[in-house]
Amino acid sequence: MRTRRTIAIAMSVLTLTAVAACGKSGSPNDSADGTSAAPQLPTYQVKTDVKLDNSPTYAAAKKRGRLVIGAKSDQPFLGFEDLSAGSGASARSGFDIEIAKMIAADLGFSPSQIDWKTIVSANRENAISSGQIDYYVGTYTINAGRKAQVSFAGPYYVAGQDLLVLKSNTDITGPDSLKGRAVCTVAGSTSIANIEKYGAKVTKYDAYSQCVDKLLTNEVDALTTDDAILKGYAAKNPDKLKVVGNRFTQEPYGVGLAKDDKVLRDAINDALKAHEDNGDWKKAYDATLGRSGAGAPPVPALDRY
């Protein structure tokens, strides 16, 4: 009886091994039914010996015992807030959120010590300069005009304007194939002028989600904005949408913080470099924006100043 039981167990193990081996080649996260499991988010070791003398922002955060981080809340797999999950750390998800968390860990703050604050694009500089937030991570393009008001660490990602189309679409391969086609973006976006010069017919809405709805119902031919945002929507609808992958601008994303707080800026840059080197950056990308099917781009060089 014991011999039969041993044989049966061995056969079960062999069967499970054979089934698992039928998964997608080269994917270590394949499940036994042949489907690919989602990549896992990294965890970040919280430092306990952090000292940042002469940083007013850090001193204020240490005194309150909490870090206040500004972010977006309406960008799937990038900066998203699940309102059904309450207001805790579990409600926030996405690549930008992971970048913010890995920085926080190197500054000595755990996820439970973070207060997230949704800040819309138009209010970012004011929120930073007035001390409402300690730093901001949310598709925040570094440019000269903004550097006159706030400081930046990074860039941690270089985005570029691209196009989101139906997965079945083979006609749109880049901006040069948009003449006479209906293209959607948000009102007030710099994407409008960039795309109009290619002869596209631009439709504008208040939110990208509205453009996605119009795209899914074939009312527009494409949605245009930064590829990082588009990847999030593609990851949310992987069977229906795809990013064309032909960028025609450059948008270096940085971490916004108080102007001239060099001590904190250097510390954030050090944190970014450390998590890029140890593989956390790549793991965070794969588990968020990477779910769109777009591979991780090269990590940009930090602009220390």
C-alpha atoms as a PDB file:
ATOM      1  CA  MET A   1       0.000   0.000   0.000  1.00  0.00           C
ATOM      2  CA  ARG A   2       2.837   2.386   0.864  1.00  0.00           C
ATOM      3  CA  THR A   3       4.559   1.615  -2.444  1.00  0.00           C
ATOM      4  CA  ARG A   4       1.371   2.330  -4.417  1.00  0.00           C
ATOM      5  CA  ARG A   5       0.893   5.637  -2.567  1.00  0.00           C
ATOM      6  CA  THR A   6       4.493   6.660  -3.281  1.00  0.00           C
ATOM      7  CA  ILE A   7       4.079   5.868  -6.990  1.00  0.00           C
ATOM      8  CA  ALA A   8       0.818   7.832  -7.135  1.00  0.00           C
ATOM      9  CA  ILE A   9       2.423  10.892  -5.536  1.00  0.00           C
ATOM     10  CA  ALA A  10       5.359  10.689  -7.927  1.00  0.00           C
ATOM     11  CA  MET A  11       3.030  10.466 -10.915  1.00  0.00           C
ATOM     12  CA  SER A  12       1.085  13.518  -9.673  1.00  0.00           C
ATOM     13  CA  VAL A  13       4.287  15.533  -9.382  1.00  0.00           C
ATOM     14  CA  LEU A  14       5.345  14.525 -12.900  1.00  0.00           C
ATOM     15  CA  THR A  15       1.934  15.472 -14.268  1.00  0.00           C
ATOM     16  CA  LEU A  16       1.996  18.907 -12.649  1.00  0.00           C
ATOM     17  CA  THR A  17       5.544  19.471 -13.890  1.00  0.00           C
ATOM     18  CA  ALA A  18       4.537  18.564 -17.430  1.00  0.00           C
ATOM     19  CA  VAL A  19       1.527  20.882 -17.330  1.00  0.00           C
ATOM     20  CA  ALA A  20       3.620  23.773 -16.013  1.00  0.00           C
ATOM     21  CA  ALA A  21       6.169  23.153 -18.754  1.00  0.00           C
ATOM     22  CA  CYS A  22       3.468  23.825 -21.349  1.00  0.00           C
ATOM     23  CA  GLY A  23       3.385  27.506 -20.378  1.00  0.00           C
ATOM     24  CA  LYS A  24       4.724  30.314 -22.512  1.00  0.00           C
ATOM     25  CA  SER A  25       8.399  29.803 -23.210  1.00  0.00           C
ATOM     26  CA  GLY A  26      10.765  32.030 -21.297  1.00  0.00           C
ATOM     27  CA  SER A  27       8.191  33.283 -18.785  1.00  0.00           C
ATOM     28  CA  PRO A  28       9.026  32.197 -15.201  1.00  0.00           C
ATOM     29  CA  ASN A  29       5.632  33.347 -13.927  1.00  0.00           C
ATOM     30  CA  ASP A  30       3.546  31.030 -16.109  1.00  0.00           C
ATOM     31  CA  SER A  31       0.750  29.311 -14.224  1.00  0.00           C
ATOM     32  CA  ALA A  32      -0.149  25.638 -14.503  1.00  0.00           C
ATOM     33  CA  ASP A  33      -3.047  26.345 -16.864  1.00  0.00           C
ATOM     34  CA  GLY A  34      -0.726  27.877 -19.455  1.00  0.00           C
ATOM     35  CA  THR A  35      -1.598  31.495 -18.726  1.00  0.00           C
ATOM     36  CA  SER A  36       1.053  34.016 -17.760  1.00  0.00           C
ATOM     37  CA  ALA A  37       0.890  35.316 -14.195  1.00  0.00           C
ATOM     38  CA  ALA A  38       1.360  39.032 -13.656  1.00  0.00           C
ATOM     39  CA  PRO A  39       4.904  40.064 -12.629  1.00  0.00           C
ATOM     40  CA  GLN A  40       5.231  40.785  -8.934  1.00  0.00           C
ATOM     41  CA  LEU A  41       5.926  44.236  -7.526  1.00  0.00           C
ATOM     42  CA  PRO A  42       9.214  44.613  -5.657  1.00  0.00           C
ATOM     43  CA  THR A  43       9.407  45.405  -1.966  1.00  0.00           C
ATOM     44  CA  TYR A  44      11.658  48.158  -0.682  1.00  0.00           C
ATOM     45  CA  GLN A  45      13.811  47.957   2.434  1.00  0.00           C
ATOM     46  CA  VAL A  46      13.144  51.008   4.598  1.00  0.00           C
ATOM     47  CA  LYS A  47      16.361  52.674   5.731  1.00  0.00           C
ATOM     48  CA  THR A  48      16.727  53.485   9.422  1.00  0.00           C
ATOM     49  CA  ASP A  49      19.877  55.639   9.511  1.00  0.00           C
ATOM     50  CA  VAL A  50      18.892  58.528   7.253  1.00  0.00           C
ATOM     51  CA  LYS A  51      20.323  61.967   8.013  1.00  0.00           C
ATOM     52  CA  LEU A  52      19.693  64.865   5.672  1.00  0.00           C
ATOM     53  CA  ASP A  53      21.003  67.980   7.351  1.00  0.00           C
ATOM     54  CA  ASN A  54      19.989  71.325   5.842  1.00  0.00           C
ATOM     55  CA  SER A  55      16.903  70.047   4.031  1.00  0.00           C
ATOM     56  CA  PRO A  56      13.870  71.992   5.318  1.00  0.00           C
ATOM     57  CA  THR A  57      11.455  69.653   3.557  1.00  0.00           C
ATOM     58  CA  TYR A  58      12.979  66.537   5.082  1.00  0.00           C
ATOM     59  CA  ALA A  59      13.162  68.138   8.542  1.00  0.00           C
ATOM     60  CA  ALA A  60       9.434  68.947   8.392  1.00  0.00           C
ATOM     61  CA  ALA A  61       8.591  65.400   7.267  1.00  0.00           C
ATOM     62  CA  LYS A  62      10.643  63.854  10.075  1.00  0.00           C
ATOM     63  CA  LYS A  63       8.989  66.105  12.630  1.00  0.00           C
ATOM     64  CA  ARG A  64       5.468  65.090  11.546  1.00  0.00           C
ATOM     65  CA  GLY A  65       6.540  61.474  11.180  1.00  0.00           C
ATOM     66  CA  ARG A  66       4.923  61.209   7.766  1.00  0.00           C
ATOM     67  CA  LEU A  67       5.793  61.925   4.166  1.00  0.00           C
ATOM     68  CA  VAL A  68       3.289  63.778   1.963  1.00  0.00           C
ATOM     69  CA  ILE A  69       3.578  62.798  -1.699  1.00  0.00           C
ATOM     70  CA  GLY A  70       1.702  64.368  -4.585  1.00  0.00           C
ATOM     71  CA  ALA A  71       0.520  62.084  -7.379  1.00  0.00           C
ATOM     72  CA  LYS A  72      -2.002  61.520 -10.150  1.00  0.00           C
ATOM     73  CA  SER A  73      -5.042  59.359  -9.472  1.00  0.00           C
ATOM     74  CA  ASP A  74      -6.632  58.728 -12.881  1.00  0.00           C
ATOM     75  CA  GLN A  75      -3.898  57.012 -14.897  1.00  0.00           C
ATOM     76  CA  PRO A  76      -4.159  53.178 -14.874  1.00  0.00           C
ATOM     77  CA  PHE A  77      -0.906  51.339 -14.099  1.00  0.00           C
ATOM     78  CA  LEU A  78       0.868  54.702 -13.768  1.00  0.00           C
ATOM     79  CA  GLY A  79      -0.763  56.795 -11.045  1.00  0.00           C
ATOM     80  CA  PHE A  80      -4.144  55.416 -10.066  1.00  0.00           C
ATOM     81  CA  GLU A  81      -6.368  55.545  -6.988  1.00  0.00           C
ATOM     82  CA  ASP A  82      -8.911  52.795  -6.422  1.00  0.00           C
ATOM     83  CA  LEU A  83     -11.611  54.616  -4.494  1.00  0.00           C
ATOM     84  CA  SER A  84     -13.270  51.327  -3.520  1.00  0.00           C
ATOM     85  CA  ALA A  85     -10.127  50.373  -1.579  1.00  0.00           C
ATOM     86  CA  GLY A  86     -10.410  53.276   0.863  1.00  0.00           C
ATOM     87  CA  SER A  87      -7.723  55.880   1.418  1.00  0.00           C
ATOM     88  CA  GLY A  88      -4.825  53.657   2.512  1.00  0.00           C
ATOM     89  CA  ALA A  89      -1.648  52.692   0.691  1.00  0.00           C
ATOM     90  CA  SER A  90      -3.399  49.807  -1.066  1.00  0.00           C
ATOM     91  CA  ALA A  91      -5.639  52.269  -2.911  1.00  0.00           C
ATOM     92  CA  ARG A  92      -2.717  53.689  -4.914  1.00  0.00           C
ATOM     93  CA  SER A  93      -1.028  51.773  -7.715  1.00  0.00           C
ATOM     94  CA  GLY A  94       1.096  52.262 -10.810  1.00  0.00           C
ATOM     95  CA  PHE A  95       4.656  52.856 -11.971  1.00  0.00           C
ATOM     96  CA  ASP A  96       4.822  56.433 -10.645  1.00  0.00           C
ATOM     97  CA  ILE A  97       3.487  55.232  -7.299  1.00  0.00           C
ATOM     98  CA  GLU A  98       6.261  52.625  -7.135  1.00  0.00           C
ATOM     99  CA  ILE A  99       8.877  55.266  -7.942  1.00  0.00           C
ATOM    100  CA  ALA A 100       7.502  57.409  -5.116  1.00  0.00           C
ATOM    101  CA  LYS A 101       7.555  54.445  -2.687  1.00  0.00           C
ATOM    102  CA  MET A 102      11.120  53.385  -3.437  1.00  0.00           C
ATOM    103  CA  ILE A 103      12.280  56.952  -2.833  1.00  0.00           C
ATOM    104  CA  ALA A 104      10.292  57.093   0.413  1.00  0.00           C
ATOM    105  CA  ALA A 105      11.927  53.870   1.620  1.00  0.00           C
ATOM    106  CA  ASP A 106      15.408  55.306   1.081  1.00  0.00           C
ATOM    107  CA  LEU A 107      14.342  58.430   2.990  1.00  0.00           C
ATOM    108  CA  GLY A 108      13.283  56.226   5.914  1.00  0.00           C
ATOM    109  CA  PHE A 109       9.504  56.130   5.430  1.00  0.00           C
ATOM    110  CA  SER A 110       7.420  52.966   5.071  1.00  0.00           C
ATOM    111  CA  PRO A 111       4.249  52.818   2.914  1.00  0.00           C
ATOM    112  CA  SER A 112       2.148  53.219   6.073  1.00  0.00           C
ATOM    113  CA  GLN A 113       3.920  56.532   6.741  1.00  0.00           C
ATOM    114  CA  ILE A 114       2.941  58.059   3.398  1.00  0.00           C
ATOM    115  CA  ASP A 115       0.043  60.459   2.948  1.00  0.00           C
ATOM    116  CA  TRP A 116      -0.933  60.570  -0.722  1.00  0.00           C
ATOM    117  CA  LYS A 117      -2.368  63.787  -2.126  1.00  0.00           C
ATOM    118  CA  THR A 118      -3.895  63.995  -5.590  1.00  0.00           C
ATOM    119  CA  ILE A 119      -2.662  67.128  -7.348  1.00  0.00           C
ATOM    120  CA  VAL A 120      -3.836  68.023 -10.861  1.00  0.00           C
ATOM    121  CA  SER A 121      -1.238  69.142 -13.376  1.00  0.00           C
ATOM    122  CA  ALA A 122      -2.113  72.834 -13.246  1.00  0.00           C
ATOM    123  CA  ASN A 123      -1.526  72.999  -9.468  1.00  0.00           C
ATOM    124  CA  ARG A 124       1.767  71.113  -9.188  1.00  0.00           C
ATOM    125  CA  GLU A 125       4.181  74.027  -8.882  1.00  0.00           C
ATOM    126  CA  ASN A 126       2.009  75.771  -6.308  1.00  0.00           C
ATOM    127  CA  ALA A 127       1.588  72.609  -4.227  1.00  0.00           C
ATOM    128  CA  ILE A 128       5.354  72.098  -4.138  1.00  0.00           C
ATOM    129  CA  SER A 129       6.418  75.700  -3.514  1.00  0.00           C
ATOM    130  CA  SER A 130       3.787  76.230  -0.814  1.00  0.00           C
ATOM    131  CA  GLY A 131       4.849  73.096   1.090  1.00  0.00           C
ATOM    132  CA  GLN A 132       1.560  71.217   0.642  1.00  0.00           C
ATOM    133  CA  ILE A 133       3.571  68.178  -0.476  1.00  0.00           C
ATOM    134  CA  ASP A 134       7.135  67.008   0.103  1.00  0.00           C
ATOM    135  CA  TYR A 135       7.656  65.842  -3.461  1.00  0.00           C
ATOM    136  CA  TYR A 136       5.603  65.016  -6.547  1.00  0.00           C
ATOM    137  CA  VAL A 137       5.693  61.975  -8.840  1.00  0.00           C
ATOM    138  CA  GLY A 138       3.151  62.071 -11.655  1.00  0.00           C
ATOM    139  CA  THR A 139       4.118  62.264 -15.355  1.00  0.00           C
ATOM    140  CA  TYR A 140       5.880  65.534 -14.532  1.00  0.00           C
ATOM    141  CA  THR A 141       7.964  66.618 -17.527  1.00  0.00           C
ATOM    142  CA  ILE A 142      11.178  68.452 -16.691  1.00  0.00           C
ATOM    143  CA  ASN A 143      11.520  71.716 -18.599  1.00  0.00           C
ATOM    144  CA  ALA A 144      13.196  75.097 -18.170  1.00  0.00           C
ATOM    145  CA  GLY A 145       9.999  76.957 -17.303  1.00  0.00           C
ATOM    146  CA  ARG A 146       9.171  74.626 -14.443  1.00  0.00           C
ATOM    147  CA  LYS A 147      12.772  74.558 -13.193  1.00  0.00           C
ATOM    148  CA  ALA A 148      12.431  78.293 -12.614  1.00  0.00           C
ATOM    149  CA  GLN A 149       9.799  77.492  -9.957  1.00  0.00           C
ATOM    150  CA  VAL A 150      10.708  74.081  -8.537  1.00  0.00           C
ATOM    151  CA  SER A 151      13.594  71.624  -8.487  1.00  0.00           C
ATOM    152  CA  PHE A 152      13.695  68.225 -10.168  1.00  0.00           C
ATOM    153  CA  ALA A 153      15.373  64.917  -9.423  1.00  0.00           C
ATOM    154  CA  GLY A 154      15.702  62.425 -12.250  1.00  0.00           C
ATOM    155  CA  PRO A 155      14.649  61.894 -14.921  1.00  0.00           C
ATOM    156  CA  TYR A 156      13.471  58.408 -14.005  1.00  0.00           C
ATOM    157  CA  TYR A 157      11.639  57.809 -17.299  1.00  0.00           C
ATOM    158  CA  VAL A 158      11.661  59.434 -20.727  1.00  0.00           C
ATOM    159  CA  ALA A 159       8.214  59.405 -22.285  1.00  0.00           C
ATOM    160  CA  GLY A 160       7.222  60.622 -25.727  1.00  0.00           C
ATOM    161  CA  GLN A 161       3.996  61.446 -27.501  1.00  0.00           C
ATOM    162  CA  ASP A 162       2.611  58.345 -29.192  1.00  0.00           C
ATOM    163  CA  LEU A 163      -0.672  56.855 -30.382  1.00  0.00           C
ATOM    164  CA  LEU A 164      -3.126  54.369 -28.881  1.00  0.00           C
ATOM    165  CA  VAL A 165      -5.194  52.412 -31.414  1.00  0.00           C
ATOM    166  CA  LEU A 166      -7.344  49.309 -31.610  1.00  0.00           C
ATOM    167  CA  LYS A 167      -5.263  46.149 -31.524  1.00  0.00           C
ATOM    168  CA  SER A 168      -6.666  45.149 -34.911  1.00  0.00           C
ATOM    169  CA  ASN A 169      -5.562  48.415 -36.539  1.00  0.00           C
ATOM    170  CA  THR A 170      -2.692  47.995 -39.015  1.00  0.00           C
ATOM    171  CA  ASP A 171      -3.149  51.262 -40.938  1.00  0.00           C
ATOM    172  CA  ILE A 172      -1.909  53.699 -38.293  1.00  0.00           C
ATOM    173  CA  THR A 173       1.826  53.258 -37.857  1.00  0.00           C
ATOM    174  CA  GLY A 174       2.779  56.745 -36.681  1.00  0.00           C
ATOM    175  CA  PRO A 175       1.850  60.420 -36.974  1.00  0.00           C
ATOM    176  CA  ASP A 176       2.489  60.444 -40.726  1.00  0.00           C
ATOM    177  CA  SER A 177      -0.488  58.120 -41.249  1.00  0.00           C
ATOM    178  CA  LEU A 178      -2.995  60.386 -39.465  1.00  0.00           C
ATOM    179  CA  LYS A 179      -3.997  62.780 -42.252  1.00  0.00           C
ATOM    180  CA  GLY A 180      -7.780  63.142 -42.216  1.00  0.00           C
ATOM    181  CA  ARG A 181      -8.189  60.715 -39.311  1.00  0.00           C
ATOM    182  CA  ALA A 182     -10.038  61.447 -36.058  1.00  0.00           C
ATOM    183  CA  VAL A 183      -7.601  61.643 -33.145  1.00  0.00           C
ATOM    184  CA  CYS A 184      -8.632  62.256 -29.543  1.00  0.00           C
ATOM    185  CA  THR A 185      -6.787  63.950 -26.679  1.00  0.00           C
ATOM    186  CA  VAL A 186      -7.612  66.144 -23.671  1.00  0.00           C
ATOM    187  CA  ALA A 187      -8.437  69.826 -23.868  1.00  0.00           C
ATOM    188  CA  GLY A 188      -5.500  72.111 -23.124  1.00  0.00           C
ATOM    189  CA  SER A 189      -2.918  69.430 -23.875  1.00  0.00           C
ATOM    190  CA  THR A 190       0.318  70.250 -25.713  1.00  0.00           C
ATOM    191  CA  SER A 191      -0.447  67.092 -27.698  1.00  0.00           C
ATOM    192  CA  ILE A 192      -3.016  69.031 -29.754  1.00  0.00           C
ATOM    193  CA  ALA A 193      -0.570  71.282 -31.609  1.00  0.00           C
ATOM    194  CA  ASN A 194       1.882  68.411 -32.054  1.00  0.00           C
ATOM    195  CA  ILE A 195      -0.706  66.238 -33.800  1.00  0.00           C
ATOM    196  CA  GLU A 196      -2.576  68.879 -35.809  1.00  0.00           C
ATOM    197  CA  LYS A 197       0.456  69.550 -37.981  1.00  0.00           C
ATOM    198  CA  TYR A 198       0.119  66.011 -39.341  1.00  0.00           C
ATOM    199  CA  GLY A 199      -3.352  66.798 -40.690  1.00  0.00           C
ATOM    200  CA  ALA A 200      -5.330  64.921 -38.031  1.00  0.00           C
ATOM    201  CA  LYS A 201      -8.872  65.920 -37.091  1.00  0.00           C
ATOM    202  CA  VAL A 202      -8.601  66.509 -33.350  1.00  0.00           C
ATOM    203  CA  THR A 203     -11.419  65.689 -30.922  1.00  0.00           C
ATOM    204  CA  LYS A 204     -10.998  67.028 -27.377  1.00  0.00           C
ATOM    205  CA  TYR A 205     -12.444  65.842 -24.066  1.00  0.00           C
ATOM    206  CA  ASP A 206     -11.776  66.630 -20.413  1.00  0.00           C
ATOM    207  CA  ALA A 207     -10.358  63.193 -19.565  1.00  0.00           C
ATOM    208  CA  TYR A 208      -8.328  60.540 -21.368  1.00  0.00           C
ATOM    209  CA  SER A 209     -10.820  57.905 -20.224  1.00  0.00           C
ATOM    210  CA  GLN A 210     -13.429  59.577 -22.429  1.00  0.00           C
ATOM    211  CA  CYS A 211     -11.094  59.292 -25.395  1.00  0.00           C
ATOM    212  CA  VAL A 212     -10.555  55.607 -24.624  1.00  0.00           C
ATOM    213  CA  ASP A 213     -14.312  55.045 -24.638  1.00  0.00           C
ATOM    214  CA  LYS A 214     -14.588  56.743 -28.043  1.00  0.00           C
ATOM    215  CA  LEU A 215     -11.723  54.655 -29.380  1.00  0.00           C
ATOM    216  CA  LEU A 216     -13.274  51.393 -28.207  1.00  0.00           C
ATOM    217  CA  THR A 217     -16.543  52.273 -29.941  1.00  0.00           C
ATOM    218  CA  ASN A 218     -14.754  53.275 -33.186  1.00  0.00           C
ATOM    219  CA  GLU A 219     -15.837  56.914 -32.890  1.00  0.00           C
ATOM    220  CA  VAL A 220     -12.201  58.043 -33.165  1.00  0.00           C
ATOM    221  CA  ASP A 221      -9.228  56.372 -34.836  1.00  0.00           C
ATOM    222  CA  ALA A 222      -6.598  57.018 -32.175  1.00  0.00           C
ATOM    223  CA  LEU A 223      -5.812  58.620 -28.823  1.00  0.00           C
ATOM    224  CA  THR A 224      -2.618  60.636 -28.471  1.00  0.00           C
ATOM    225  CA  THR A 225      -0.606  61.738 -25.424  1.00  0.00           C
ATOM    226  CA  ASP A 226       2.570  60.586 -23.621  1.00  0.00           C
ATOM    227  CA  ASP A 227       3.293  56.917 -24.271  1.00  0.00           C
ATOM    228  CA  ALA A 228       3.513  56.178 -20.535  1.00  0.00           C
ATOM    229  CA  ILE A 229      -0.143  57.152 -20.114  1.00  0.00           C
ATOM    230  CA  LEU A 230      -1.114  55.208 -23.226  1.00  0.00           C
ATOM    231  CA  LYS A 231       0.687  52.093 -21.971  1.00  0.00           C
ATOM    232  CA  GLY A 232      -1.462  52.197 -18.853  1.00  0.00           C
ATOM    233  CA  TYR A 233      -4.663  52.137 -20.864  1.00  0.00           C
ATOM    234  CA  ALA A 234      -3.269  49.391 -23.102  1.00  0.00           C
ATOM    235  CA  ALA A 235      -2.442  47.351 -20.009  1.00  0.00           C
ATOM    236  CA  LYS A 236      -6.001  47.843 -18.776  1.00  0.00           C
ATOM    237  CA  ASN A 237      -7.401  46.659 -22.144  1.00  0.00           C
ATOM    238  CA  PRO A 238      -4.687  44.268 -23.419  1.00  0.00           C
ATOM    239  CA  ASP A 239      -6.997  42.361 -25.778  1.00  0.00           C
ATOM    240  CA  LYS A 240      -8.419  45.476 -27.427  1.00  0.00           C
ATOM    241  CA  LEU A 241      -5.796  48.246 -27.450  1.00  0.00           C
ATOM    242  CA  LYS A 242      -2.137  48.702 -28.327  1.00  0.00           C
ATOM    243  CA  VAL A 243       0.442  51.490 -28.352  1.00  0.00           C
ATOM    244  CA  VAL A 244       1.798  52.099 -31.856  1.00  0.00           C
ATOM    245  CA  GLY A 245       5.341  52.554 -30.535  1.00  0.00           C
ATOM    246  CA  ASN A 246       6.483  55.411 -32.781  1.00  0.00           C
ATOM    247  CA  ARG A 247       7.181  58.319 -30.446  1.00  0.00           C
ATOM    248  CA  PHE A 248       7.553  61.791 -31.925  1.00  0.00           C
ATOM    249  CA  THR A 249       8.448  63.964 -28.904  1.00  0.00           C
ATOM    250  CA  GLN A 250      10.588  63.554 -25.775  1.00  0.00           C
ATOM    251  CA  GLU A 251       9.159  64.070 -22.277  1.00  0.00           C
ATOM    252  CA  PRO A 252      11.653  63.410 -19.439  1.00  0.00           C
ATOM    253  CA  TYR A 253       9.707  62.673 -16.236  1.00  0.00           C
ATOM    254  CA  GLY A 254      11.191  63.976 -13.004  1.00  0.00           C
ATOM    255  CA  VAL A 255      10.406  64.103  -9.296  1.00  0.00           C
ATOM    256  CA  GLY A 256       9.322  67.622  -8.392  1.00  0.00           C
ATOM    257  CA  LEU A 257      10.458  69.129  -5.079  1.00  0.00           C
ATOM    258  CA  ALA A 258      11.075  72.487  -3.434  1.00  0.00           C
ATOM    259  CA  LYS A 259      13.359  74.770  -5.395  1.00  0.00           C
ATOM    260  CA  ASP A 260      16.994  74.857  -4.288  1.00  0.00           C
ATOM    261  CA  ASP A 261      16.609  72.006  -1.734  1.00  0.00           C
ATOM    262  CA  LYS A 262      19.796  70.419  -3.077  1.00  0.00           C
ATOM    263  CA  VAL A 263      20.197  68.076  -0.124  1.00  0.00           C
ATOM    264  CA  LEU A 264      16.829  66.432  -0.734  1.00  0.00           C
ATOM    265  CA  ARG A 265      17.302  66.503  -4.513  1.00  0.00           C
ATOM    266  CA  ASP A 266      20.613  64.656  -4.197  1.00  0.00           C
ATOM    267  CA  ALA A 267      19.060  62.122  -1.812  1.00  0.00           C
ATOM    268  CA  ILE A 268      16.214  61.409  -4.243  1.00  0.00           C
ATOM    269  CA  ASN A 269      18.665  61.050  -7.112  1.00  0.00           C
ATOM    270  CA  ASP A 270      20.723  58.634  -5.006  1.00  0.00           C
ATOM    271  CA  ALA A 271      17.573  56.611  -4.282  1.00  0.00           C
ATOM    272  CA  LEU A 272      16.635  56.469  -7.961  1.00  0.00           C
ATOM    273  CA  LYS A 273      20.134  55.316  -8.906  1.00  0.00           C
ATOM    274  CA  ALA A 274      20.191  52.638  -6.196  1.00  0.00           C
ATOM    275  CA  HIS A 275      16.844  51.159  -7.228  1.00  0.00           C
ATOM    276  CA  GLU A 276      17.755  51.292 -10.888  1.00  0.00           C
ATOM    277  CA  ASP A 277      20.997  49.417 -10.187  1.00  0.00           C
ATOM    278  CA  ASN A 278      19.412  46.718  -7.988  1.00  0.00           C
ATOM    279  CA  GLY A 279      16.668  45.911 -10.499  1.00  0.00           C
ATOM    280  CA  ASP A 280      13.709  47.423  -8.622  1.00  0.00           C
ATOM    281  CA  TRP A 281      13.055  49.954 -11.400  1.00  0.00           C
ATOM    282  CA  LYS A 282      12.760  47.194 -14.004  1.00  0.00           C
ATOM    283  CA  LYS A 283      10.578  45.019 -11.733  1.00  0.00           C
ATOM    284  CA  ALA A 284       8.265  47.951 -11.015  1.00  0.00           C
ATOM    285  CA  TYR A 285       7.953  48.706 -14.731  1.00  0.00           C
ATOM    286  CA  ASP A 286       7.258  45.081 -15.667  1.00  0.00           C
ATOM    287  CA  ALA A 287       4.517  44.794 -13.026  1.00  0.00           C
ATOM    288  CA  THR A 288       2.786  48.012 -14.122  1.00  0.00           C
ATOM    289  CA  LEU A 289       3.341  49.626 -17.532  1.00  0.00           C
ATOM    290  CA  GLY A 290       4.991  46.468 -18.818  1.00  0.00           C
ATOM    291  CA  ARG A 291       1.631  44.743 -18.728  1.00  0.00           C
ATOM    292  CA  SER A 292       0.773  46.743 -21.861  1.00  0.00           C
ATOM    293  CA  GLY A 293       3.113  44.450 -23.790  1.00  0.00           C
ATOM    294  CA  ALA A 294       5.708  47.189 -24.289  1.00  0.00           C
ATOM    295  CA  GLY A 295       9.154  46.266 -23.036  1.00  0.00           C
ATOM    296  CA  ALA A 296      11.019  48.423 -20.554  1.00  0.00           C
ATOM    297  CA  PRO A 297      12.882  51.312 -22.214  1.00  0.00           C
ATOM    298  CA  PRO A 298      16.466  52.188 -21.274  1.00  0.00           C
ATOM    299  CA  VAL A 299      16.807  53.880 -17.892  1.00  0.00           C
ATOM    300  CA  PRO A 300      17.709  57.536 -18.530  1.00  0.00           C
ATOM    301  CA  ALA A 301      20.848  59.103 -17.082  1.00  0.00           C
ATOM    302  CA  LEU A 302      20.214  61.280 -14.065  1.00  0.00           C
ATOM    303  CA  ASP A 303      20.616  65.022 -14.553  1.00  0.00           C
ATOM    304  CA  ARG A 304      22.376  66.089 -11.367  1.00  0.00           C
ATOM    305  CA  TYR A 305      22.704  69.834 -10.922  1.00  0.00           C
END
